[in-house]
Amino acid sequence: MFLITQVKNSHDYSSYNGREEDSKPNFRPRKLKSRHMQFYAIGGTIGTGLFVGIGGGLAQAGPLSLLLGYSITSIFIFAMMRCLGEMTTWMPLPGATPRFCSRFVDEALGFAVGWNQWYNCAITVCAEISAAAAVIQFWNDTISPAVWISIILVLIFIFNLIDVGIFGEAEFVCSCVKIVALVGLLILSLVIDLGGGPTHDRLGFRYWKNPGAMIEYIASGDTGRFLGLFNAIVNAGFAFAGIEMVAVAAGETENPRYNIPKAINRLFWRIIFFYILGTLAIGVLVPYTDNRLLNGGAGVASSPWVIGISRAGIKVLPSIINAVVLLSAASSGNALLYSGSRYLLALAEGGQAPKFLLKCTKRGVPIYCVLCTGALAPLTYMAVSSDSARVFSWFANLVTTAALFTWCSICIAYIGFDRALHAQGINQKEELAFKGFLQPYISYISLVFFIIVIIFNGFSVFIHGHWDTQKFVVSYVGMPIFFTLFLGWKFFKKTKIRNAEEIDLHTGRQLDESTEYAEKPKGMLDRLWKWAA
């Protein structure tokens, strides 16, 4: 039986003492409904990584390497998300990842990953908006990008500051548009590939033969093709960055022990449908030699989907798709501002950030957390003085490294969680509402994979004749930042690794009784909706 207590809503955390061990149940209202959670899980990660950044992967790896790179990465992403889903279902805390790291491993790790993930979200907001500025240049490159950046920033601040319910509705609508657009693009790609476009040119796998399926990246022969594949794996890191956001909303989600497992379980099919089929689709539509691809040559950054449709001779649709890409970037920026603010709130609740951040509005919005997270957004204006595509690639590299550290930390936290369950005699099969498979083995394997990608993600700069100071900095600056945070907190606070027998597995599990159980569907249409959402 789950421990259930009736709690009342309150939005003032000023008296919170900051001790993780003394943490109280989450008193913020749970306004994110099942459909919000499901579409937040789907749409929150459908951003510029899948619409725009994937073009850079195609240009530097080739269609087959891109498909393999995303497929390999998706396996470990799904394994990591199973770890996170198991912990979050057991203990649905707001800003889950840093809280789990502090609770199950070491407070220093929670401090490091919390600030790392906050910084990751804040920087990714910049990446999404800078990509949006680059995409808008498809229509008009005479108006300063500063205008579009300002408009998008104002909108996402409004949605995040008013009410979490309004935020959920905005993400629901945007996610619906993105999902419909992607499904339409996949169908259209098949039609074009089979010769159903205006030119009636049947493409098949033409571009896999000429210019080729795998690029010899930097080196020649099999070594070069392997490096191209590894580069695609790194590129996939940016596309999947933020996929763990579904757990961030646990503290404000109705019935988290029902809705979170539901979102995690369906993640596998969503990855296959959107990411794997998506990489396959653009690989048959666009040759990697097209100089309009992001990072693939000269010219303004553009979505490979738009390039493929333009090459097929379809006149109006590219502008419509570009509008969807723009909406997608703004939506992802909106979701990331939300996530970053909740990570910052989690740090404050754990006594690892200033207490003034605990203050929430009457509607339960942590206003100072939102403002502090958005304080880095003006960095996006670098796209005004520099090439938007170049600025986007800088942010993308920073985001990828930070995301990889977060995924490593999730795996480490799960290992600590699993140790504690065994040490304290908790029967996982009977007492866990959500149980991953092949645990804890997949957590160890995923951890090793993510560490390898972190170490070698900037490998190209170490090859003779390819040194690039800017790329070296953006690829590896995340490492000293993370370890400085970890070692600094450990040194000053004298923290120790948690003993498995002493780890607190119960404080914070209390839920409002009204959100503990799922509502029964009413009628056939309601059953169908609940199954789909």
Protein backbone atom coordinates (compact mmCIF):
# COMPACT_ATOMS: atom_id res chain seq x y z
CA MET A 1 0.00 0.00 0.00
CA PHE A 2 1.21 3.49 -0.83
CA LEU A 3 1.47 5.90 2.03
CA ILE A 4 -1.24 8.50 1.50
CA THR A 5 -1.80 11.68 3.41
CA GLN A 6 -4.24 14.48 2.82
CA VAL A 7 -2.38 17.74 2.29
CA LYS A 8 -3.42 21.29 1.62
CA ASN A 9 -2.13 23.66 -1.03
CA SER A 10 0.41 26.25 -0.01
CA HIS A 11 2.79 28.33 -2.05
CA ASP A 12 5.18 29.93 0.44
CA TYR A 13 8.39 28.02 1.10
CA SER A 14 10.06 30.77 3.08
CA SER A 15 10.09 28.71 6.25
CA TYR A 16 11.64 25.67 4.60
CA ASN A 17 14.79 24.66 6.44
CA GLY A 18 16.63 23.34 3.38
CA ARG A 19 17.43 19.90 4.76
CA GLU A 20 16.75 17.04 2.35
CA GLU A 21 16.08 14.69 5.23
CA ASP A 22 13.39 16.96 6.62
CA SER A 23 11.71 17.57 3.29
CA LYS A 24 7.95 17.85 3.37
CA PRO A 25 5.46 16.59 0.81
CA ASN A 26 5.16 18.70 -2.29
CA PHE A 27 2.54 21.36 -1.54
CA ARG A 28 2.35 22.94 -4.99
CA PRO A 29 -0.95 22.28 -6.76
CA ARG A 30 -0.86 19.41 -9.26
CA LYS A 31 -2.28 21.15 -12.32
CA LEU A 32 -0.63 19.13 -15.09
CA LYS A 33 -3.17 16.57 -16.25
CA SER A 34 -2.55 13.23 -17.94
CA ARG A 35 -2.80 14.70 -21.43
CA HIS A 36 -0.38 17.50 -20.44
CA MET A 37 2.14 14.94 -19.15
CA GLN A 38 1.84 12.66 -22.18
CA PHE A 39 2.19 15.44 -24.74
CA TYR A 40 4.89 17.14 -22.68
CA ALA A 41 6.78 13.82 -22.81
CA ILE A 42 6.32 13.61 -26.58
CA GLY A 43 6.57 17.22 -27.68
CA GLY A 44 9.06 18.55 -25.16
CA THR A 45 11.96 16.91 -27.00
CA ILE A 46 10.69 17.51 -30.53
CA GLY A 47 12.64 20.68 -31.08
CA THR A 48 15.33 22.05 -33.32
CA GLY A 49 17.49 18.98 -32.75
CA LEU A 50 15.06 16.89 -34.81
CA PHE A 51 13.96 19.64 -37.19
CA VAL A 52 17.23 21.55 -37.78
CA GLY A 53 20.27 20.17 -35.92
CA ILE A 54 19.85 16.75 -37.53
CA GLY A 55 20.94 18.36 -40.79
CA GLY A 56 24.44 18.84 -39.40
CA GLY A 57 24.55 15.13 -38.54
CA LEU A 58 23.57 14.20 -42.09
CA ALA A 59 26.17 16.56 -43.57
CA GLN A 60 29.00 15.11 -41.47
CA ALA A 61 28.04 11.43 -41.30
CA GLY A 62 25.89 10.39 -44.25
CA PRO A 63 22.42 8.80 -44.21
CA LEU A 64 23.35 5.30 -43.01
CA SER A 65 25.70 6.55 -40.28
CA LEU A 66 23.02 9.03 -39.16
CA LEU A 67 20.41 6.26 -38.93
CA LEU A 68 22.78 3.94 -37.04
CA GLY A 69 23.99 6.72 -34.74
CA TYR A 70 20.48 7.71 -33.69
CA SER A 71 19.43 4.05 -33.33
CA ILE A 72 22.38 3.20 -31.08
CA THR A 73 21.90 6.29 -28.95
CA SER A 74 18.17 5.69 -28.60
CA ILE A 75 18.79 2.26 -27.04
CA PHE A 76 20.83 3.77 -24.21
CA ILE A 77 18.47 6.74 -23.86
CA PHE A 78 15.53 4.40 -23.39
CA ALA A 79 17.50 2.35 -20.83
CA MET A 80 18.37 5.52 -18.91
CA MET A 81 14.75 6.66 -18.96
CA ARG A 82 13.64 3.32 -17.51
CA CYS A 83 15.99 4.01 -14.58
CA LEU A 84 14.56 7.49 -14.12
CA GLY A 85 10.98 6.25 -14.46
CA GLU A 86 11.46 3.66 -11.74
CA MET A 87 12.84 6.23 -9.27
CA THR A 88 10.28 8.90 -10.14
CA THR A 89 7.34 6.54 -9.81
CA TRP A 90 8.57 5.46 -6.38
CA MET A 91 9.22 9.04 -5.26
CA PRO A 92 7.63 11.77 -7.47
CA LEU A 93 9.67 14.76 -6.32
CA PRO A 94 9.88 18.06 -8.21
CA GLY A 95 13.15 18.52 -10.09
CA ALA A 96 13.66 14.79 -9.69
CA THR A 97 17.24 14.16 -10.88
CA PRO A 98 19.23 16.32 -8.42
CA ARG A 99 17.01 15.19 -5.55
CA PHE A 100 17.62 11.54 -6.41
CA CYS A 101 21.38 12.07 -6.70
CA SER A 102 21.49 13.75 -3.29
CA ARG A 103 19.21 11.19 -1.68
CA PHE A 104 20.65 7.98 -3.14
CA VAL A 105 24.33 8.81 -3.76
CA ASP A 106 25.92 11.98 -2.40
CA GLU A 107 24.73 15.54 -1.77
CA ALA A 108 27.71 16.76 -3.80
CA LEU A 109 26.47 14.85 -6.86
CA GLY A 110 22.99 16.29 -6.40
CA PHE A 111 24.46 19.79 -6.17
CA ALA A 112 26.61 19.28 -9.29
CA VAL A 113 23.91 17.71 -11.47
CA GLY A 114 21.27 20.18 -10.28
CA TRP A 115 23.30 23.23 -11.29
CA ASN A 116 24.54 21.44 -14.41
CA GLN A 117 20.99 20.68 -15.48
CA TRP A 118 19.81 24.18 -14.66
CA TYR A 119 22.62 25.57 -16.78
CA ASN A 120 21.79 23.00 -19.49
CA CYS A 121 18.15 24.11 -19.65
CA ALA A 122 19.07 27.80 -19.62
CA ILE A 123 21.59 27.33 -22.44
CA THR A 124 19.21 25.14 -24.45
CA VAL A 125 16.65 27.95 -24.34
CA CYS A 126 19.30 30.03 -26.11
CA ALA A 127 20.00 27.21 -28.60
CA GLU A 128 16.33 26.84 -29.48
CA ILE A 129 15.74 30.56 -29.94
CA SER A 130 18.95 31.08 -31.95
CA ALA A 131 17.83 28.23 -34.22
CA ALA A 132 14.45 29.94 -34.57
CA ALA A 133 16.22 33.16 -35.60
CA ALA A 134 18.16 31.19 -38.22
CA VAL A 135 14.99 29.54 -39.53
CA ILE A 136 13.17 32.88 -39.87
CA GLN A 137 15.89 34.01 -42.26
CA PHE A 138 14.39 31.50 -44.70
CA TRP A 139 11.69 34.10 -45.32
CA ASN A 140 13.39 37.40 -44.55
CA ASP A 141 17.05 38.06 -43.88
CA THR A 142 16.71 41.86 -43.92
CA ILE A 143 15.03 42.21 -40.51
CA SER A 144 17.41 41.93 -37.58
CA PRO A 145 17.20 38.57 -35.74
CA ALA A 146 16.97 40.62 -32.51
CA VAL A 147 13.34 41.40 -33.33
CA TRP A 148 12.33 37.75 -33.57
CA ILE A 149 14.42 36.79 -30.55
CA SER A 150 12.70 39.45 -28.45
CA ILE A 151 9.20 38.36 -29.52
CA ILE A 152 9.85 34.70 -28.70
CA LEU A 153 11.45 35.53 -25.33
CA VAL A 154 8.48 37.64 -24.28
CA LEU A 155 6.01 34.88 -25.19
CA ILE A 156 7.78 32.07 -23.33
CA PHE A 157 8.16 34.26 -20.22
CA ILE A 158 4.44 35.00 -20.27
CA PHE A 159 3.50 31.30 -20.49
CA ASN A 160 5.88 30.39 -17.65
CA LEU A 161 4.93 33.20 -15.27
CA ILE A 162 1.14 33.11 -15.43
CA ASP A 163 0.13 29.61 -14.32
CA VAL A 164 1.45 26.08 -14.69
CA GLY A 165 -1.93 25.01 -16.03
CA ILE A 166 -1.66 27.59 -18.83
CA PHE A 167 1.88 26.38 -19.50
CA GLY A 168 0.52 22.84 -19.80
CA GLU A 169 -2.19 23.91 -22.24
CA ALA A 170 0.33 25.83 -24.36
CA GLU A 171 2.64 22.81 -24.52
CA PHE A 172 -0.32 20.55 -25.27
CA VAL A 173 -1.34 22.65 -28.28
CA CYS A 174 2.24 23.08 -29.56
CA SER A 175 2.96 19.38 -29.13
CA CYS A 176 -0.17 18.49 -31.08
CA VAL A 177 0.98 20.72 -33.95
CA LYS A 178 4.50 19.24 -33.89
CA ILE A 179 3.23 15.66 -33.80
CA VAL A 180 0.78 16.21 -36.66
CA ALA A 181 3.51 17.96 -38.65
CA LEU A 182 6.02 15.15 -38.12
CA VAL A 183 3.51 12.46 -39.03
CA GLY A 184 2.66 14.46 -42.14
CA LEU A 185 6.35 14.87 -43.00
CA LEU A 186 7.00 11.16 -42.67
CA ILE A 187 4.06 10.36 -44.97
CA LEU A 188 5.13 13.07 -47.42
CA SER A 189 8.70 11.74 -47.41
CA LEU A 190 7.43 8.32 -48.41
CA VAL A 191 5.30 9.84 -51.19
CA ILE A 192 8.21 11.90 -52.54
CA ASP A 193 10.61 8.97 -52.29
CA LEU A 194 8.26 6.80 -54.34
CA GLY A 195 7.89 9.45 -57.03
CA GLY A 196 4.63 11.05 -55.96
CA GLY A 197 6.00 14.62 -55.93
CA PRO A 198 5.49 17.27 -58.65
CA THR A 199 8.59 16.10 -60.52
CA HIS A 200 7.54 12.42 -60.30
CA ASP A 201 11.18 11.57 -59.71
CA ARG A 202 11.42 8.25 -57.85
CA LEU A 203 14.30 8.66 -55.39
CA GLY A 204 14.41 5.29 -53.66
CA PHE A 205 17.78 5.05 -51.95
CA ARG A 206 19.55 6.99 -54.69
CA TYR A 207 21.45 9.24 -52.31
CA TRP A 208 22.69 6.22 -50.36
CA LYS A 209 24.52 5.19 -53.53
CA ASN A 210 25.55 8.61 -54.78
CA PRO A 211 27.09 10.51 -52.98
CA GLY A 212 27.06 7.54 -50.55
CA ALA A 213 25.66 6.04 -47.35
CA MET A 214 28.61 6.70 -45.01
CA ILE A 215 30.96 9.67 -45.08
CA GLU A 216 34.65 9.20 -44.50
CA TYR A 217 34.86 11.87 -41.80
CA ILE A 218 38.33 13.39 -41.24
CA ALA A 219 40.13 10.08 -41.91
CA SER A 220 39.84 7.70 -44.86
CA GLY A 221 38.61 4.13 -45.21
CA ASP A 222 36.94 2.24 -42.39
CA THR A 223 38.44 4.59 -39.79
CA GLY A 224 36.83 7.58 -41.46
CA ARG A 225 33.45 5.84 -41.71
CA PHE A 226 33.64 4.88 -38.03
CA LEU A 227 34.43 8.49 -37.07
CA GLY A 228 31.44 9.62 -39.13
CA LEU A 229 29.24 7.15 -37.22
CA PHE A 230 30.58 8.35 -33.88
CA ASN A 231 29.97 11.95 -34.94
CA ALA A 232 26.34 10.99 -35.62
CA ILE A 233 26.10 9.56 -32.09
CA VAL A 234 27.32 12.89 -30.69
CA ASN A 235 24.82 14.74 -32.87
CA ALA A 236 22.04 12.51 -31.52
CA GLY A 237 22.98 13.65 -28.02
CA PHE A 238 21.70 17.14 -28.80
CA ALA A 239 18.51 15.83 -30.44
CA PHE A 240 17.69 13.76 -27.33
CA ALA A 241 18.76 16.45 -24.85
CA GLY A 242 15.92 17.23 -22.47
CA ILE A 243 14.18 13.90 -22.89
CA GLU A 244 14.40 13.46 -19.11
CA MET A 245 12.15 16.51 -18.63
CA VAL A 246 9.13 14.27 -18.13
CA ALA A 247 10.38 13.57 -14.58
CA VAL A 248 10.81 17.28 -13.81
CA ALA A 249 7.04 17.76 -13.91
CA ALA A 250 6.39 14.92 -11.44
CA GLY A 251 5.83 17.35 -8.57
CA GLU A 252 3.05 19.16 -10.45
CA THR A 253 1.41 16.22 -12.22
CA GLU A 254 -1.89 14.63 -11.30
CA ASN A 255 -1.51 11.00 -10.28
CA PRO A 256 2.24 10.76 -11.06
CA ARG A 257 2.43 7.07 -10.15
CA TYR A 258 0.06 6.36 -13.02
CA ASN A 259 0.97 9.01 -15.59
CA ILE A 260 4.77 8.84 -15.40
CA PRO A 261 5.07 5.07 -16.05
CA LYS A 262 2.56 5.54 -18.86
CA ALA A 263 4.78 8.20 -20.47
CA ILE A 264 7.97 6.17 -20.00
CA ASN A 265 6.48 2.94 -21.36
CA ARG A 266 5.39 4.66 -24.56
CA LEU A 267 8.72 6.39 -25.01
CA PHE A 268 10.18 3.42 -26.91
CA TRP A 269 7.59 3.62 -29.69
CA ARG A 270 7.83 7.39 -29.86
CA ILE A 271 11.61 7.22 -30.27
CA ILE A 272 11.26 4.70 -33.09
CA PHE A 273 8.49 6.62 -34.84
CA PHE A 274 9.87 10.15 -34.61
CA TYR A 275 13.64 9.78 -34.36
CA ILE A 276 14.48 6.56 -36.21
CA LEU A 277 11.96 7.01 -39.03
CA GLY A 278 12.81 10.72 -39.10
CA THR A 279 16.52 10.10 -39.73
CA LEU A 280 15.65 7.52 -42.38
CA ALA A 281 13.29 9.97 -44.10
CA ILE A 282 15.72 12.87 -44.44
CA GLY A 283 18.45 10.44 -45.49
CA VAL A 284 16.47 9.51 -48.61
CA LEU A 285 15.25 13.05 -49.33
CA VAL A 286 18.48 15.04 -49.14
CA PRO A 287 22.04 14.18 -50.22
CA TYR A 288 24.62 15.00 -47.57
CA THR A 289 26.43 17.21 -50.10
CA ASP A 290 23.63 19.81 -50.20
CA ASN A 291 25.35 23.01 -49.06
CA ARG A 292 22.21 24.33 -47.34
CA LEU A 293 22.45 21.76 -44.53
CA LEU A 294 23.41 23.20 -41.14
CA ASN A 295 27.22 22.95 -40.76
CA GLY A 296 27.34 21.28 -44.16
CA GLY A 297 28.72 24.23 -46.08
CA ALA A 298 28.07 27.84 -46.92
CA GLY A 299 24.68 29.45 -46.71
CA VAL A 300 21.99 30.17 -44.14
CA ALA A 301 21.00 27.37 -41.76
CA SER A 302 17.89 25.56 -42.87
CA SER A 303 15.86 22.51 -41.93
CA PRO A 304 16.67 19.35 -43.94
CA TRP A 305 12.92 18.75 -44.14
CA VAL A 306 12.48 22.11 -45.88
CA ILE A 307 15.44 21.40 -48.16
CA GLY A 308 14.03 17.99 -49.13
CA ILE A 309 10.59 19.40 -49.93
CA SER A 310 12.13 22.26 -51.94
CA ARG A 311 14.21 19.79 -53.93
CA ALA A 312 11.03 17.87 -54.73
CA GLY A 313 9.60 20.99 -56.39
CA ILE A 314 6.84 21.69 -53.87
CA LYS A 315 6.44 25.47 -53.71
CA VAL A 316 4.22 26.47 -50.78
CA LEU A 317 4.81 23.67 -48.30
CA PRO A 318 8.40 24.66 -47.33
CA SER A 319 7.12 27.90 -45.80
CA ILE A 320 4.46 26.00 -43.85
CA ILE A 321 7.02 23.51 -42.54
CA ASN A 322 9.36 26.34 -41.64
CA ALA A 323 6.53 27.85 -39.60
CA VAL A 324 6.18 24.53 -37.76
CA VAL A 325 9.94 24.47 -37.14
CA LEU A 326 9.67 27.98 -35.72
CA LEU A 327 6.78 26.95 -33.47
CA SER A 328 8.76 23.89 -32.43
CA ALA A 329 11.76 25.98 -31.41
CA ALA A 330 9.60 28.38 -29.41
CA SER A 331 7.73 25.49 -27.77
CA SER A 332 10.95 23.73 -26.75
CA GLY A 333 12.30 27.00 -25.36
CA ASN A 334 9.09 27.33 -23.36
CA ALA A 335 9.40 23.76 -21.98
CA LEU A 336 13.08 24.22 -21.14
CA LEU A 337 12.46 27.46 -19.25
CA TYR A 338 9.89 25.54 -17.19
CA SER A 339 12.28 22.64 -16.57
CA GLY A 340 15.20 24.88 -15.66
CA SER A 341 13.12 26.81 -13.14
CA ARG A 342 11.98 23.55 -11.48
CA TYR A 343 15.56 22.28 -11.27
CA LEU A 344 16.50 25.53 -9.56
CA LEU A 345 13.54 25.17 -7.19
CA ALA A 346 14.64 21.62 -6.35
CA LEU A 347 18.11 22.93 -5.49
CA ALA A 348 16.60 25.57 -3.21
CA GLU A 349 14.38 22.95 -1.53
CA GLY A 350 17.49 20.87 -0.88
CA GLY A 351 19.35 23.82 0.66
CA GLN A 352 21.73 24.04 -2.31
CA ALA A 353 20.50 27.36 -3.68
CA PRO A 354 19.42 30.66 -2.06
CA LYS A 355 16.19 30.44 -0.05
CA PHE A 356 14.53 33.39 -1.80
CA LEU A 357 14.07 31.05 -4.78
CA LEU A 358 11.51 29.09 -2.75
CA LYS A 359 8.97 31.89 -3.03
CA CYS A 360 6.04 31.01 -5.31
CA THR A 361 3.12 33.06 -6.58
CA LYS A 362 -0.44 32.36 -5.48
CA ARG A 363 -0.79 30.14 -8.53
CA GLY A 364 2.20 28.04 -7.50
CA VAL A 365 4.74 29.47 -9.98
CA PRO A 366 8.31 29.79 -8.56
CA ILE A 367 8.68 33.28 -9.96
CA TYR A 368 12.29 33.94 -8.97
CA CYS A 369 13.38 30.58 -10.35
CA VAL A 370 11.78 31.41 -13.69
CA LEU A 371 13.41 34.84 -13.79
CA CYS A 372 16.85 33.52 -12.83
CA THR A 373 16.67 30.76 -15.43
CA GLY A 374 15.63 33.24 -18.08
CA ALA A 375 18.47 35.57 -17.10
CA LEU A 376 20.80 33.72 -19.49
CA ALA A 377 18.40 34.07 -22.41
CA PRO A 378 19.92 37.40 -23.59
CA LEU A 379 22.98 35.37 -24.66
CA THR A 380 20.84 34.50 -27.67
CA TYR A 381 21.46 38.00 -29.00
CA MET A 382 24.93 36.81 -30.01
CA ALA A 383 23.11 35.56 -33.10
CA VAL A 384 22.67 39.22 -34.08
CA SER A 385 26.40 39.98 -34.35
CA SER A 386 27.49 36.47 -35.42
CA ASP A 387 26.18 33.97 -37.92
CA SER A 388 23.05 32.31 -36.47
CA ALA A 389 24.13 28.87 -37.63
CA ARG A 390 27.50 29.20 -35.89
CA VAL A 391 25.95 30.40 -32.64
CA PHE A 392 23.47 27.53 -32.79
CA SER A 393 26.32 25.01 -33.18
CA TRP A 394 28.12 26.51 -30.13
CA PHE A 395 25.04 26.16 -27.98
CA ALA A 396 24.36 22.66 -29.35
CA ASN A 397 27.80 21.45 -28.26
CA LEU A 398 27.41 22.96 -24.79
CA VAL A 399 23.98 21.39 -24.40
CA THR A 400 25.12 17.94 -25.53
CA THR A 401 27.90 17.75 -22.93
CA ALA A 402 25.64 18.97 -20.12
CA ALA A 403 22.91 16.49 -21.11
CA LEU A 404 25.40 13.61 -21.11
CA PHE A 405 26.49 14.47 -17.56
CA THR A 406 22.85 14.49 -16.49
CA TRP A 407 22.24 11.06 -18.04
CA CYS A 408 25.36 9.70 -16.32
CA SER A 409 24.10 11.06 -13.00
CA ILE A 410 20.67 9.44 -13.51
CA CYS A 411 22.36 6.06 -14.02
CA ILE A 412 24.55 6.57 -10.93
CA ALA A 413 21.52 7.61 -8.87
CA TYR A 414 19.65 4.50 -9.98
CA ILE A 415 22.56 2.28 -8.97
CA GLY A 416 22.40 3.84 -5.48
CA PHE A 417 18.61 3.45 -5.43
CA ASP A 418 18.83 -0.21 -6.40
CA ARG A 419 21.48 -0.86 -3.74
CA ALA A 420 19.27 0.73 -1.10
CA LEU A 421 16.23 -1.34 -2.10
CA HIS A 422 18.20 -4.56 -1.76
CA ALA A 423 19.94 -3.49 1.46
CA GLN A 424 16.65 -2.54 3.11
CA GLY A 425 14.82 -5.67 2.06
CA ILE A 426 12.25 -4.02 -0.23
CA ASN A 427 10.73 -6.49 -2.67
CA GLN A 428 10.96 -4.68 -6.02
CA LYS A 429 8.55 -6.97 -7.84
CA GLU A 430 5.79 -6.48 -5.27
CA GLU A 431 6.30 -2.94 -3.98
CA LEU A 432 7.44 -0.98 -7.05
CA ALA A 433 4.60 0.33 -9.20
CA PHE A 434 7.02 0.56 -12.14
CA LYS A 435 9.93 -1.86 -12.60
CA GLY A 436 12.59 -1.69 -15.28
CA PHE A 437 13.93 -4.79 -16.96
CA LEU A 438 17.48 -6.20 -16.79
CA GLN A 439 18.26 -3.94 -13.85
CA PRO A 440 20.73 -2.89 -12.59
CA TYR A 441 22.82 -4.15 -15.54
CA ILE A 442 21.46 -1.72 -18.13
CA SER A 443 22.19 1.21 -15.81
CA TYR A 444 25.89 0.22 -15.69
CA ILE A 445 26.08 -0.33 -19.46
CA SER A 446 24.35 3.00 -20.20
CA LEU A 447 26.67 4.79 -17.78
CA VAL A 448 29.75 3.45 -19.62
CA PHE A 449 28.30 4.48 -23.00
CA PHE A 450 27.57 8.06 -21.88
CA ILE A 451 31.04 8.42 -20.32
CA ILE A 452 32.67 7.33 -23.60
CA VAL A 453 30.67 9.91 -25.55
CA ILE A 454 31.59 12.66 -23.04
CA ILE A 455 35.31 11.89 -23.33
CA PHE A 456 35.41 11.67 -27.12
CA ASN A 457 32.66 14.10 -28.16
CA GLY A 458 35.22 16.63 -29.40
CA PHE A 459 37.54 14.03 -30.92
CA SER A 460 38.00 15.88 -34.22
CA VAL A 461 40.09 18.68 -32.69
CA PHE A 462 42.79 16.19 -31.64
CA ILE A 463 43.35 14.93 -35.18
CA HIS A 464 46.34 16.53 -36.90
CA GLY A 465 45.35 19.57 -38.93
CA HIS A 466 41.86 19.87 -37.45
CA TRP A 467 42.48 21.87 -34.28
CA ASP A 468 39.66 24.32 -33.55
CA THR A 469 39.93 26.28 -30.31
CA GLN A 470 36.26 27.27 -30.26
CA LYS A 471 35.09 23.69 -30.81
CA PHE A 472 37.47 22.40 -28.14
CA VAL A 473 36.13 24.89 -25.61
CA VAL A 474 32.41 24.25 -26.28
CA SER A 475 32.99 20.46 -26.36
CA TYR A 476 34.87 20.20 -23.08
CA VAL A 477 34.10 23.26 -20.95
CA GLY A 478 31.26 21.28 -19.35
CA MET A 479 33.72 18.83 -17.77
CA PRO A 480 35.58 21.29 -15.49
CA ILE A 481 32.29 23.02 -14.67
CA PHE A 482 30.68 19.76 -13.49
CA PHE A 483 33.66 18.49 -11.52
CA THR A 484 34.30 21.90 -9.95
CA LEU A 485 30.71 21.94 -8.71
CA PHE A 486 30.98 18.38 -7.39
CA LEU A 487 34.36 18.70 -5.68
CA GLY A 488 33.65 22.21 -4.40
CA TRP A 489 30.45 21.18 -2.58
CA LYS A 490 32.08 17.99 -1.33
CA PHE A 491 35.06 19.89 0.06
CA PHE A 492 33.13 22.68 1.76
CA LYS A 493 30.26 20.55 3.07
CA LYS A 494 32.34 17.42 3.84
CA THR A 495 29.70 15.21 2.25
CA LYS A 496 29.98 11.44 2.10
CA ILE A 497 28.63 8.75 -0.18
CA ARG A 498 25.34 7.43 1.21
CA ASN A 499 25.34 4.10 2.98
CA ALA A 500 22.81 1.79 1.30
CA GLU A 501 21.26 0.76 4.63
CA GLU A 502 20.77 4.39 5.70
CA ILE A 503 19.35 5.88 2.49
CA ASP A 504 15.90 7.43 3.05
CA LEU A 505 13.51 5.69 0.66
CA HIS A 506 10.27 7.01 2.15
CA THR A 507 10.32 10.75 2.96
CA GLY A 508 8.68 12.66 0.14
CA ARG A 509 6.55 9.77 -1.14
CA GLN A 510 3.34 11.24 0.28
CA LEU A 511 0.77 12.32 -2.29
CA ASP A 512 -2.50 14.18 -2.16
CA GLU A 513 -5.19 11.48 -1.86
CA SER A 514 -7.15 13.05 -4.68
CA THR A 515 -4.29 12.44 -7.11
CA GLU A 516 -3.33 8.93 -6.06
CA TYR A 517 -5.58 6.95 -8.32
CA ALA A 518 -6.51 7.34 -11.96
CA GLU A 519 -10.04 8.34 -12.81
CA LYS A 520 -12.01 5.59 -14.49
CA PRO A 521 -12.75 6.31 -18.16
CA LYS A 522 -16.34 7.19 -18.97
CA GLY A 523 -17.55 5.60 -22.19
CA MET A 524 -15.79 4.31 -25.30
CA LEU A 525 -14.49 7.72 -26.48
CA ASP A 526 -12.98 8.44 -23.07
CA ARG A 527 -11.31 5.02 -23.06
CA LEU A 528 -9.86 5.66 -26.51
CA TRP A 529 -8.59 9.11 -25.46
CA LYS A 530 -6.94 7.81 -22.31
CA TRP A 531 -5.27 5.06 -24.31
CA ALA A 532 -3.95 7.51 -26.92
CA ALA A 533 -2.89 10.19 -24.44
